[in-house]
């Protein structure tokens, strides 16, 4: 399968509960590159790149993690990968 880029905006109880750290841990497990960040409006954004099937597995793992029940909205768009080639970081810039 080809590489894709996914941009996700997540609402719910997703700040102050370790969501970014859990997301980074899972991204490493599935060899996903990109970042996760808290937004000023209380949502969390993820920009992730990887093989299509690995993105699917990664997002399923996020949704079914212990933090999954706090998710009330998941808005996702996908497109071609842009070449993020290093790690998965937590961003602290707040949006």
N, C-alpha and C. Protein backbone atom coordinates (compact mmCIF):
# COMPACT_ATOMS: atom_id res chain seq x y z
N UNK A 1 0.84 -1.19 0.00
CA UNK A 1 0.00 0.00 0.00
C UNK A 1 0.88 1.24 0.00
N UNK A 2 0.34 2.32 -0.51
CA UNK A 2 1.11 3.54 -0.62
C UNK A 2 1.06 4.37 0.67
N UNK A 3 1.99 5.30 0.74
CA UNK A 3 2.04 6.19 1.90
C UNK A 3 0.98 7.28 1.76
N UNK A 4 0.41 7.64 2.89
CA UNK A 4 -0.60 8.68 2.94
C UNK A 4 -0.30 9.65 4.06
N UNK A 5 -0.93 10.81 3.96
CA UNK A 5 -0.89 11.80 5.03
C UNK A 5 -2.31 11.94 5.55
N UNK A 6 -2.45 11.95 6.87
CA UNK A 6 -3.76 12.15 7.49
C UNK A 6 -3.69 13.36 8.40
N UNK A 7 -4.72 14.18 8.34
CA UNK A 7 -4.87 15.31 9.26
C UNK A 7 -6.15 15.05 10.03
N UNK A 8 -6.03 15.05 11.37
CA UNK A 8 -7.17 14.71 12.23
C UNK A 8 -7.35 15.81 13.26
N UNK A 9 -8.61 16.14 13.52
CA UNK A 9 -8.96 17.06 14.61
C UNK A 9 -9.91 16.30 15.52
N UNK A 10 -9.56 16.24 16.81
CA UNK A 10 -10.29 15.42 17.76
C UNK A 10 -10.86 16.30 18.87
N UNK A 11 -12.13 16.09 19.15
CA UNK A 11 -12.81 16.82 20.23
C UNK A 11 -13.20 15.86 21.33
N UNK A 12 -13.47 16.41 22.50
CA UNK A 12 -13.90 15.62 23.64
C UNK A 12 -13.00 15.87 24.83
N UNK A 13 -12.88 14.88 25.66
CA UNK A 13 -11.98 14.98 26.82
C UNK A 13 -10.61 14.49 26.36
N UNK A 14 -9.88 15.39 25.71
CA UNK A 14 -8.63 15.01 25.07
C UNK A 14 -7.44 15.86 25.51
N UNK A 15 -7.66 16.79 26.40
CA UNK A 15 -6.54 17.57 26.94
C UNK A 15 -6.45 17.33 28.44
N UNK A 16 -5.22 17.27 28.93
CA UNK A 16 -4.99 17.06 30.35
C UNK A 16 -5.17 15.62 30.80
N UNK A 17 -5.20 14.69 29.85
CA UNK A 17 -5.40 13.26 30.18
C UNK A 17 -4.30 12.36 29.60
N UNK A 18 -3.24 12.95 29.07
CA UNK A 18 -2.15 12.16 28.49
C UNK A 18 -2.37 11.76 27.05
N UNK A 19 -3.29 12.41 26.37
CA UNK A 19 -3.64 12.03 25.00
C UNK A 19 -2.44 12.14 24.06
N UNK A 20 -1.69 13.24 24.15
CA UNK A 20 -0.55 13.42 23.24
C UNK A 20 0.51 12.34 23.46
N UNK A 21 0.77 12.01 24.72
CA UNK A 21 1.80 11.02 25.03
C UNK A 21 1.39 9.62 24.57
N UNK A 22 0.13 9.29 24.77
CA UNK A 22 -0.39 8.01 24.29
C UNK A 22 -0.30 7.94 22.77
N UNK A 23 -0.67 9.04 22.11
CA UNK A 23 -0.62 9.10 20.65
C UNK A 23 0.80 8.91 20.14
N UNK A 24 1.75 9.57 20.77
CA UNK A 24 3.15 9.42 20.34
C UNK A 24 3.64 7.98 20.54
N UNK A 25 3.29 7.37 21.66
CA UNK A 25 3.69 5.99 21.93
C UNK A 25 3.13 5.05 20.85
N UNK A 26 1.86 5.23 20.52
CA UNK A 26 1.23 4.39 19.50
C UNK A 26 1.81 4.66 18.11
N UNK A 27 2.10 5.91 17.81
CA UNK A 27 2.69 6.24 16.50
C UNK A 27 4.03 5.53 16.33
N UNK A 28 4.82 5.48 17.38
CA UNK A 28 6.10 4.79 17.33
C UNK A 28 5.91 3.31 17.07
N UNK A 29 4.91 2.73 17.70
CA UNK A 29 4.62 1.30 17.52
C UNK A 29 4.27 0.98 16.06
N UNK A 30 3.56 1.88 15.40
CA UNK A 30 3.10 1.63 14.03
C UNK A 30 3.94 2.31 12.96
N UNK A 31 5.11 2.85 13.36
CA UNK A 31 6.03 3.51 12.43
C UNK A 31 5.36 4.67 11.69
N UNK A 32 4.62 5.46 12.43
CA UNK A 32 3.95 6.64 11.89
C UNK A 32 4.81 7.86 12.17
N UNK A 33 4.95 8.73 11.20
CA UNK A 33 5.72 9.97 11.34
C UNK A 33 4.76 11.14 11.45
N UNK A 34 5.16 12.20 12.14
CA UNK A 34 4.34 13.39 12.21
C UNK A 34 4.35 14.04 13.58
N UNK A 35 3.18 14.53 14.00
CA UNK A 35 3.08 15.24 15.26
C UNK A 35 1.66 15.24 15.81
N UNK A 36 1.56 15.57 17.10
CA UNK A 36 0.28 15.75 17.79
C UNK A 36 0.39 17.01 18.63
N UNK A 37 -0.70 17.77 18.75
CA UNK A 37 -0.65 19.01 19.51
C UNK A 37 -2.01 19.35 20.08
N UNK A 38 -2.00 19.98 21.26
CA UNK A 38 -3.21 20.57 21.82
C UNK A 38 -3.48 21.88 21.12
N UNK A 39 -4.75 22.17 20.87
CA UNK A 39 -5.15 23.44 20.29
C UNK A 39 -5.80 24.31 21.36
N UNK A 40 -5.76 25.59 21.17
CA UNK A 40 -6.31 26.52 22.16
C UNK A 40 -7.81 26.34 22.39
N UNK A 41 -8.52 25.79 21.41
CA UNK A 41 -9.97 25.61 21.55
C UNK A 41 -10.36 24.32 22.28
N UNK A 42 -9.35 23.60 22.82
CA UNK A 42 -9.63 22.39 23.58
C UNK A 42 -9.60 21.11 22.76
N UNK A 43 -9.37 21.22 21.46
CA UNK A 43 -9.25 20.04 20.61
C UNK A 43 -7.79 19.61 20.54
N UNK A 44 -7.56 18.47 19.90
CA UNK A 44 -6.21 17.98 19.63
C UNK A 44 -6.11 17.75 18.12
N UNK A 45 -4.96 18.13 17.55
CA UNK A 45 -4.69 17.89 16.13
C UNK A 45 -3.58 16.88 15.99
N UNK A 46 -3.73 16.03 14.98
CA UNK A 46 -2.70 15.06 14.62
C UNK A 46 -2.42 15.22 13.13
N UNK A 47 -1.15 15.28 12.78
CA UNK A 47 -0.75 15.18 11.39
C UNK A 47 0.16 13.97 11.31
N UNK A 48 -0.23 12.99 10.53
CA UNK A 48 0.48 11.72 10.52
C UNK A 48 0.69 11.22 9.11
N UNK A 49 1.85 10.59 8.90
CA UNK A 49 2.15 9.98 7.62
C UNK A 49 2.65 8.56 7.82
N UNK A 50 2.25 7.70 6.91
CA UNK A 50 2.69 6.31 6.94
C UNK A 50 1.93 5.53 5.88
N UNK A 51 2.22 4.24 5.83
CA UNK A 51 1.48 3.38 4.91
C UNK A 51 0.01 3.38 5.31
N UNK A 52 -0.83 3.31 4.35
CA UNK A 52 -2.29 3.36 4.56
C UNK A 52 -2.75 2.39 5.63
N UNK A 53 -2.32 1.14 5.52
CA UNK A 53 -2.77 0.14 6.48
C UNK A 53 -2.24 0.43 7.88
N UNK A 54 -1.05 1.00 7.98
CA UNK A 54 -0.50 1.33 9.30
C UNK A 54 -1.22 2.54 9.90
N UNK A 55 -1.59 3.50 9.07
CA UNK A 55 -2.41 4.62 9.57
C UNK A 55 -3.73 4.10 10.12
N UNK A 56 -4.35 3.18 9.39
CA UNK A 56 -5.61 2.60 9.87
C UNK A 56 -5.43 1.93 11.23
N UNK A 57 -4.37 1.14 11.35
CA UNK A 57 -4.10 0.45 12.62
C UNK A 57 -3.78 1.43 13.74
N UNK A 58 -3.00 2.44 13.43
CA UNK A 58 -2.64 3.48 14.41
C UNK A 58 -3.89 4.18 14.92
N UNK A 59 -4.75 4.64 14.01
CA UNK A 59 -5.95 5.36 14.44
C UNK A 59 -6.91 4.46 15.21
N UNK A 60 -7.01 3.21 14.82
CA UNK A 60 -7.85 2.27 15.56
C UNK A 60 -7.30 2.11 16.99
N UNK A 61 -5.97 2.02 17.10
CA UNK A 61 -5.35 1.89 18.43
C UNK A 61 -5.61 3.13 19.28
N UNK A 62 -5.56 4.31 18.69
CA UNK A 62 -5.86 5.54 19.43
C UNK A 62 -7.31 5.51 19.91
N UNK A 63 -8.22 5.18 19.01
CA UNK A 63 -9.64 5.19 19.34
C UNK A 63 -10.02 4.13 20.37
N UNK A 64 -9.29 3.02 20.41
CA UNK A 64 -9.63 1.95 21.34
C UNK A 64 -8.73 1.95 22.58
N UNK A 65 -7.86 2.94 22.71
CA UNK A 65 -7.01 3.05 23.89
C UNK A 65 -7.87 3.44 25.09
N UNK A 66 -7.26 3.50 26.25
CA UNK A 66 -8.01 3.89 27.46
C UNK A 66 -8.55 5.32 27.35
N UNK A 67 -8.00 6.11 26.45
CA UNK A 67 -8.48 7.49 26.26
C UNK A 67 -9.58 7.58 25.21
N UNK A 68 -9.81 6.52 24.47
CA UNK A 68 -10.81 6.51 23.41
C UNK A 68 -12.20 6.94 23.83
N UNK A 69 -12.69 6.50 25.00
CA UNK A 69 -14.04 6.91 25.40
C UNK A 69 -14.22 8.42 25.56
N UNK A 70 -13.11 9.15 25.72
CA UNK A 70 -13.20 10.61 25.84
C UNK A 70 -13.39 11.32 24.52
N UNK A 71 -13.22 10.60 23.41
CA UNK A 71 -13.36 11.21 22.08
C UNK A 71 -14.83 11.34 21.73
N UNK A 72 -15.25 12.57 21.42
CA UNK A 72 -16.64 12.78 21.00
C UNK A 72 -16.75 13.10 19.51
N UNK A 73 -15.66 13.56 18.90
CA UNK A 73 -15.69 13.86 17.47
C UNK A 73 -14.31 13.61 16.88
N UNK A 74 -14.29 12.97 15.72
CA UNK A 74 -13.05 12.63 15.01
C UNK A 74 -13.23 13.08 13.57
N UNK A 75 -12.56 14.15 13.17
CA UNK A 75 -12.65 14.65 11.80
C UNK A 75 -11.32 14.37 11.11
N UNK A 76 -11.35 13.56 10.06
CA UNK A 76 -10.13 13.09 9.41
C UNK A 76 -10.18 13.33 7.92
N UNK A 77 -9.07 13.82 7.39
CA UNK A 77 -8.90 13.91 5.94
C UNK A 77 -7.58 13.25 5.58
N UNK A 78 -7.54 12.66 4.39
CA UNK A 78 -6.32 11.99 3.92
C UNK A 78 -5.96 12.45 2.52
N UNK A 79 -4.68 12.36 2.25
CA UNK A 79 -4.16 12.70 0.94
C UNK A 79 -2.80 12.06 0.77
N UNK A 80 -2.10 12.43 -0.29
CA UNK A 80 -0.78 11.85 -0.53
C UNK A 80 0.22 12.30 0.54
N UNK A 81 1.15 11.43 0.86
CA UNK A 81 2.21 11.76 1.82
C UNK A 81 3.07 12.89 1.27
N UNK A 82 3.59 13.71 2.18
CA UNK A 82 4.44 14.83 1.78
C UNK A 82 5.90 14.60 2.13
N UNK A 83 6.20 13.48 2.78
CA UNK A 83 7.59 13.15 3.02
C UNK A 83 8.10 13.42 4.43
N UNK A 84 7.23 13.45 5.42
CA UNK A 84 7.71 13.54 6.80
C UNK A 84 8.52 12.27 7.03
N UNK A 85 9.78 12.41 7.37
CA UNK A 85 10.60 11.21 7.44
C UNK A 85 11.25 10.98 8.80
N UNK A 86 10.95 11.80 9.77
CA UNK A 86 11.58 11.61 11.07
C UNK A 86 10.58 11.67 12.20
N UNK A 87 10.53 10.61 12.99
CA UNK A 87 9.85 10.56 14.27
C UNK A 87 8.42 11.05 14.33
N UNK A 88 7.95 11.10 15.55
CA UNK A 88 6.61 11.60 15.85
C UNK A 88 6.74 12.46 17.09
N UNK A 89 6.45 13.72 16.97
CA UNK A 89 6.70 14.64 18.08
C UNK A 89 5.42 15.18 18.71
N UNK A 90 5.59 15.58 19.94
CA UNK A 90 4.54 16.30 20.65
C UNK A 90 4.85 17.77 20.51
N UNK A 91 3.89 18.52 20.04
CA UNK A 91 4.07 19.97 19.91
C UNK A 91 3.36 20.67 21.04
N UNK A 92 3.98 21.72 21.53
CA UNK A 92 3.48 22.42 22.70
C UNK A 92 3.04 23.85 22.38
N UNK A 93 2.86 24.18 21.11
CA UNK A 93 2.59 25.56 20.76
C UNK A 93 1.15 25.99 20.96
N UNK A 94 0.26 25.09 21.28
CA UNK A 94 -1.11 25.46 21.63
C UNK A 94 -1.99 25.89 20.48
N UNK A 95 -1.61 25.64 19.26
CA UNK A 95 -2.50 25.90 18.15
C UNK A 95 -2.05 26.87 17.19
